[in-house]
N, C-alpha and C. Protein backbone atom coordinates (compact mmCIF):
# COMPACT_ATOMS: atom_id res chain seq x y z
N MET A 1 0.85 -1.16 0.00
CA MET A 1 0.00 0.00 0.00
C MET A 1 0.90 1.23 0.00
N SER A 2 0.66 2.13 -0.93
CA SER A 2 1.49 3.32 -1.07
C SER A 2 0.80 4.54 -0.45
N HIS A 3 1.56 5.62 -0.32
CA HIS A 3 0.98 6.88 0.15
C HIS A 3 -0.09 7.36 -0.82
N GLU A 4 0.10 7.09 -2.11
CA GLU A 4 -0.91 7.48 -3.10
C GLU A 4 -2.21 6.70 -2.88
N ASP A 5 -2.10 5.42 -2.52
CA ASP A 5 -3.29 4.61 -2.22
C ASP A 5 -4.04 5.23 -1.03
N LEU A 6 -3.29 5.64 -0.03
CA LEU A 6 -3.92 6.23 1.16
C LEU A 6 -4.57 7.57 0.84
N ASP A 7 -3.93 8.36 -0.03
CA ASP A 7 -4.54 9.62 -0.46
C ASP A 7 -5.84 9.36 -1.22
N GLU A 8 -5.84 8.33 -2.05
CA GLU A 8 -7.04 7.96 -2.79
C GLU A 8 -8.14 7.47 -1.84
N TRP A 9 -7.77 6.72 -0.82
CA TRP A 9 -8.73 6.28 0.20
C TRP A 9 -9.39 7.50 0.83
N GLU A 10 -8.59 8.50 1.16
CA GLU A 10 -9.14 9.72 1.77
C GLU A 10 -10.08 10.44 0.80
N ARG A 11 -9.71 10.51 -0.48
CA ARG A 11 -10.59 11.13 -1.48
C ARG A 11 -11.92 10.36 -1.58
N CYS A 12 -11.86 9.06 -1.48
CA CYS A 12 -13.09 8.25 -1.52
C CYS A 12 -13.97 8.55 -0.32
N LEU A 13 -13.38 8.67 0.86
CA LEU A 13 -14.16 9.01 2.05
C LEU A 13 -14.80 10.38 1.90
N ASP A 14 -14.06 11.34 1.32
CA ASP A 14 -14.62 12.66 1.07
C ASP A 14 -15.81 12.57 0.11
N ALA A 15 -15.66 11.78 -0.95
CA ALA A 15 -16.74 11.61 -1.92
C ALA A 15 -17.97 10.97 -1.28
N LEU A 16 -17.75 9.96 -0.47
CA LEU A 16 -18.87 9.29 0.19
C LEU A 16 -19.57 10.23 1.16
N GLN A 17 -18.80 11.06 1.86
CA GLN A 17 -19.41 12.02 2.77
C GLN A 17 -20.26 13.03 1.99
N ALA A 18 -19.86 13.33 0.76
CA ALA A 18 -20.64 14.22 -0.11
C ALA A 18 -21.77 13.47 -0.83
N GLU A 19 -21.99 12.22 -0.42
CA GLU A 19 -23.03 11.35 -0.98
C GLU A 19 -22.81 11.05 -2.46
N GLU A 20 -21.53 10.94 -2.83
CA GLU A 20 -21.16 10.51 -4.17
C GLU A 20 -20.60 9.09 -4.07
N GLY A 21 -20.57 8.39 -5.15
CA GLY A 21 -19.99 7.05 -5.16
C GLY A 21 -18.48 7.12 -5.17
N ALA A 22 -17.84 5.98 -4.87
CA ALA A 22 -16.39 5.93 -4.84
C ALA A 22 -15.90 4.55 -5.25
N GLU A 23 -14.75 4.52 -5.93
CA GLU A 23 -14.06 3.27 -6.26
C GLU A 23 -12.67 3.32 -5.67
N TRP A 24 -12.25 2.20 -5.07
CA TRP A 24 -10.92 2.15 -4.47
C TRP A 24 -10.36 0.76 -4.58
N PRO A 25 -9.12 0.57 -4.86
CA PRO A 25 -8.18 1.59 -5.32
C PRO A 25 -8.42 1.90 -6.79
N ALA A 26 -7.99 3.06 -7.18
CA ALA A 26 -8.14 3.49 -8.58
C ALA A 26 -7.10 2.79 -9.45
N GLY A 27 -7.36 2.71 -10.72
CA GLY A 27 -6.37 2.17 -11.64
C GLY A 27 -6.69 0.77 -12.11
N ASP A 28 -5.71 0.14 -12.70
CA ASP A 28 -5.89 -1.18 -13.32
C ASP A 28 -5.46 -2.31 -12.40
N ARG A 29 -5.89 -2.27 -11.18
CA ARG A 29 -5.50 -3.30 -10.22
C ARG A 29 -6.30 -4.57 -10.47
N SER A 30 -5.90 -5.63 -9.80
CA SER A 30 -6.57 -6.90 -10.01
C SER A 30 -7.95 -6.94 -9.36
N ALA A 31 -8.17 -6.16 -8.31
CA ALA A 31 -9.47 -6.14 -7.65
C ALA A 31 -9.72 -4.72 -7.13
N TRP A 32 -11.00 -4.35 -7.06
CA TRP A 32 -11.34 -3.04 -6.52
C TRP A 32 -12.72 -3.09 -5.91
N VAL A 33 -13.02 -2.07 -5.11
CA VAL A 33 -14.29 -1.95 -4.42
C VAL A 33 -15.00 -0.71 -4.93
N ASP A 34 -16.28 -0.85 -5.20
CA ASP A 34 -17.14 0.25 -5.63
C ASP A 34 -18.19 0.44 -4.53
N VAL A 35 -18.29 1.66 -3.99
CA VAL A 35 -19.22 1.93 -2.90
C VAL A 35 -20.21 3.00 -3.34
N VAL A 36 -21.50 2.70 -3.16
CA VAL A 36 -22.57 3.64 -3.49
C VAL A 36 -23.29 3.97 -2.18
N PRO A 37 -23.29 5.25 -1.79
CA PRO A 37 -23.86 5.62 -0.48
C PRO A 37 -25.38 5.74 -0.47
N ASP A 38 -26.06 4.69 -0.88
CA ASP A 38 -27.52 4.64 -0.80
C ASP A 38 -27.92 4.18 0.59
N ASP A 39 -29.19 3.94 0.79
CA ASP A 39 -29.67 3.37 2.04
C ASP A 39 -30.37 2.06 1.72
N PRO A 40 -29.73 0.92 1.91
CA PRO A 40 -28.42 0.71 2.53
C PRO A 40 -27.28 1.00 1.55
N VAL A 41 -26.10 1.15 2.12
CA VAL A 41 -24.89 1.35 1.31
C VAL A 41 -24.69 0.09 0.46
N GLU A 42 -24.37 0.27 -0.82
CA GLU A 42 -24.08 -0.87 -1.69
C GLU A 42 -22.59 -0.95 -1.94
N VAL A 43 -22.03 -2.11 -1.65
CA VAL A 43 -20.60 -2.34 -1.88
C VAL A 43 -20.48 -3.45 -2.91
N THR A 44 -19.73 -3.18 -3.97
CA THR A 44 -19.47 -4.19 -4.98
C THR A 44 -17.98 -4.45 -5.02
N VAL A 45 -17.62 -5.71 -4.89
CA VAL A 45 -16.22 -6.12 -4.99
C VAL A 45 -16.04 -6.72 -6.37
N HIS A 46 -15.13 -6.12 -7.14
CA HIS A 46 -14.85 -6.57 -8.51
C HIS A 46 -13.54 -7.33 -8.50
N ASP A 47 -13.53 -8.49 -9.12
CA ASP A 47 -12.29 -9.24 -9.29
C ASP A 47 -11.57 -8.67 -10.51
N SER A 48 -10.51 -9.31 -10.87
CA SER A 48 -9.69 -8.81 -11.98
C SER A 48 -10.49 -8.72 -13.27
N PRO A 49 -10.04 -7.86 -14.18
CA PRO A 49 -10.73 -7.74 -15.47
C PRO A 49 -10.80 -9.05 -16.24
N SER A 50 -9.86 -9.95 -15.98
CA SER A 50 -9.88 -11.21 -16.74
C SER A 50 -11.04 -12.12 -16.33
N THR A 51 -11.42 -12.15 -15.04
CA THR A 51 -12.53 -13.01 -14.63
C THR A 51 -13.87 -12.30 -14.71
N GLN A 52 -13.86 -10.99 -14.56
CA GLN A 52 -15.06 -10.16 -14.60
C GLN A 52 -16.11 -10.59 -13.57
N ILE A 53 -15.66 -11.13 -12.45
CA ILE A 53 -16.57 -11.51 -11.38
C ILE A 53 -16.78 -10.31 -10.47
N ALA A 54 -18.03 -10.07 -10.09
CA ALA A 54 -18.36 -8.98 -9.17
C ALA A 54 -19.43 -9.48 -8.20
N VAL A 55 -19.29 -9.08 -6.94
CA VAL A 55 -20.26 -9.44 -5.92
C VAL A 55 -20.75 -8.15 -5.28
N ARG A 56 -22.07 -7.92 -5.32
CA ARG A 56 -22.66 -6.72 -4.73
C ARG A 56 -23.38 -7.11 -3.43
N VAL A 57 -23.09 -6.32 -2.39
CA VAL A 57 -23.67 -6.59 -1.08
C VAL A 57 -24.24 -5.29 -0.52
N PRO A 58 -25.51 -5.28 -0.16
CA PRO A 58 -26.05 -4.12 0.55
C PRO A 58 -25.64 -4.20 2.02
N ILE A 59 -25.18 -3.08 2.57
CA ILE A 59 -24.72 -3.07 3.96
C ILE A 59 -25.44 -1.96 4.71
N ASP A 60 -26.07 -2.34 5.82
CA ASP A 60 -26.73 -1.36 6.67
C ASP A 60 -25.68 -0.85 7.65
N VAL A 61 -25.18 0.36 7.43
CA VAL A 61 -24.07 0.88 8.23
C VAL A 61 -24.58 1.80 9.33
N ALA A 62 -23.77 1.92 10.39
CA ALA A 62 -24.09 2.84 11.47
C ALA A 62 -23.86 4.28 11.01
N SER A 63 -24.45 5.22 11.68
CA SER A 63 -24.36 6.62 11.26
C SER A 63 -22.94 7.16 11.29
N GLU A 64 -22.08 6.61 12.13
CA GLU A 64 -20.71 7.11 12.25
C GLU A 64 -19.70 6.30 11.45
N TRP A 65 -20.13 5.56 10.46
CA TRP A 65 -19.22 4.67 9.74
C TRP A 65 -18.13 5.42 9.00
N LEU A 66 -18.42 6.61 8.48
CA LEU A 66 -17.37 7.37 7.80
C LEU A 66 -16.31 7.85 8.78
N GLU A 67 -16.72 8.31 9.95
CA GLU A 67 -15.76 8.74 10.97
C GLU A 67 -14.88 7.58 11.41
N GLU A 68 -15.47 6.40 11.57
CA GLU A 68 -14.69 5.21 11.93
C GLU A 68 -13.67 4.88 10.85
N ASN A 69 -14.06 5.03 9.59
CA ASN A 69 -13.12 4.75 8.50
C ASN A 69 -12.01 5.80 8.44
N ARG A 70 -12.30 7.03 8.78
CA ARG A 70 -11.25 8.05 8.84
C ARG A 70 -10.24 7.71 9.94
N LEU A 71 -10.72 7.19 11.07
CA LEU A 71 -9.80 6.76 12.14
C LEU A 71 -8.94 5.59 11.68
N ARG A 72 -9.52 4.65 10.96
CA ARG A 72 -8.74 3.54 10.41
C ARG A 72 -7.67 4.04 9.45
N LEU A 73 -8.05 4.97 8.60
CA LEU A 73 -7.10 5.56 7.66
C LEU A 73 -5.94 6.21 8.41
N ALA A 74 -6.24 6.94 9.46
CA ALA A 74 -5.19 7.60 10.25
C ALA A 74 -4.24 6.56 10.86
N ARG A 75 -4.78 5.44 11.35
CA ARG A 75 -3.93 4.38 11.92
C ARG A 75 -3.06 3.74 10.87
N VAL A 76 -3.61 3.52 9.67
CA VAL A 76 -2.82 2.93 8.58
C VAL A 76 -1.72 3.89 8.15
N ARG A 77 -2.06 5.19 8.04
CA ARG A 77 -1.04 6.18 7.69
C ARG A 77 0.11 6.16 8.71
N ALA A 78 -0.23 6.10 9.97
CA ALA A 78 0.79 6.07 11.02
C ALA A 78 1.66 4.83 10.91
N ALA A 79 1.04 3.69 10.63
CA ALA A 79 1.79 2.44 10.50
C ALA A 79 2.71 2.47 9.27
N VAL A 80 2.23 3.01 8.17
CA VAL A 80 3.04 3.10 6.96
C VAL A 80 4.21 4.06 7.17
N SER A 81 3.96 5.16 7.85
CA SER A 81 5.01 6.13 8.11
C SER A 81 6.07 5.59 9.06
N ALA A 82 5.65 4.71 9.98
CA ALA A 82 6.59 4.15 10.96
C ALA A 82 7.49 3.08 10.35
N SER A 83 7.08 2.50 9.23
CA SER A 83 7.88 1.42 8.64
C SER A 83 8.88 1.91 7.64
């Protein structure tokens, strides 16, 4: 996980807070997550482009889920910086 990945994670959290959708990580990776902030939140996990497998799961999240994810991001940033 790079600092750019973490910056993109933060941009996704900002987008979700603005009630926009988000994909993470960006780019041509083998797998990615697409999050749509509906009620319930829809999360789709996409496998690599070669298999084209995707699984969509509706998730009923708590009201503070974005704040909790920002705390997780801060902990990951600290761990990456320490290594």
